[in-house]
Amino acid sequence: MARGGRKPPARTARRERVTTSTSKVNDTLASAPPVLQQRCLDIFKDALKPGFEDKDILQEVKGHLYDRNFAAAFGKEEYLRVYASRWSPSRALAYLQVFQDMDEHLDSSPVQGDEPLRVVCIGGGAGGELVGLAGRHSIRKTEAGDGYHPKLHAILVDMAAWSGVTGSLLKGIMSAPELSKYASQAKKDANKALLGGEDLAMDFQQQDVLNIDQDATAVFEEAIMQARLATFMFTLNELYSTSVAKTQLLLARLTELMSAGACLLVVDSPGSYSTVSVNGADKQYPMQWLLDHTLIASSRSRDSGTDYARWEKVVSDDSRWFRLPESMEYPIELENMRYQIHLYRRLSDVGG
């Protein structure tokens, strides 16, 4: 996450049935092509080389996460590689589905002229957001054909030193996958990179977003000002757990900086996984309540005297499921993902 740690996805058996009536399964929605989903998994496989031999390192990482010792869990390059190879692939496919589902709302905030489509992923160092965005952008490119489609510029912000992982994944996105020497000529002719340099740019900022130093503030804030989308994927609740006050200040600053029409996307663990204790009090506050209070309710009564909302909530769901397609192949076991999702659109300051 943006402060150097995040918890693994909910541990769910791959073939477990959903029993809650409010849950949604990804195959009830328009899914990305299976070939693309497998390509996304292959990017992680080829870039990060997951394998059974990582099991001891994985147990060490799990132990540090269980103890909430995020500095240790994300303090070694090998820990980062193993974490990303284990938990980011399934998240990348889930995020690909999320971005596809959100298209009708994100398309309402178009880029101007030749400006790239900038997306700031707070807590996005482990690569799930990068590969998910690249997968969705490849669909856009195919749909555009010979027509114009903007370049995607992903800015990943995280406290841990994820630059090695993100650099390897970017190389995998921009390189044609290796083929067997026995591959047919047709496969060789069709073999190409998911995206090229003309389609995708990536920057990684190693920052603690709750305690950004003065020299880095301008760079981070410029990225936010230019972003058409900012994301908190399994990150916001950890920020709230660290400091409610600082997280509220961060969200207030995003409100000041983001332009009208830009969107804020929050994906996190549902239910009890996303509650925090405020000022040490016993009462627990759901993350969603804190988020709505900060973005919608509080914006009406700030010192500026505004009496209009500065954000509108366009999507909200307390519980969704993403299920890995049975046909997907990966060297180690992956898991389904249950999550809550909330999408907000920034309104104009002249009254919305």
Foldseek 3Di string as FASTA:
>chain_A
DLAQDFDFFDFFDQPDDDDDPQAAELVVDDADDPVLLQLLLVLLCVLLVDAPVCVVLVVVLVVCVVVVVRCVCQVDPNSLSHVLNAGQSQLLRVLLSVCVVCVVQLVQQDDPDQDAAEEEERQCLSPSNVSSVLSNLLVVPVVQPPHDDHAYEYEYHHQGDSPSVNVSSVVQQQAFDDDDPPDDPVCVVVTGHSDHPRRYHYHYHNANLLDGDPVCPVVVLVSLLPHLEYEYASHLLVVVQVPVVSSLVSVVSSLVRYDANRKYKYKHAADPRAWHDHPPDPDIDGPVVSVCCSQFVVVCPDPVNHNAHQKDKDDWRRWYKYRDDPPHDHNDDHHIGIIIMIMMGTHDSVHD
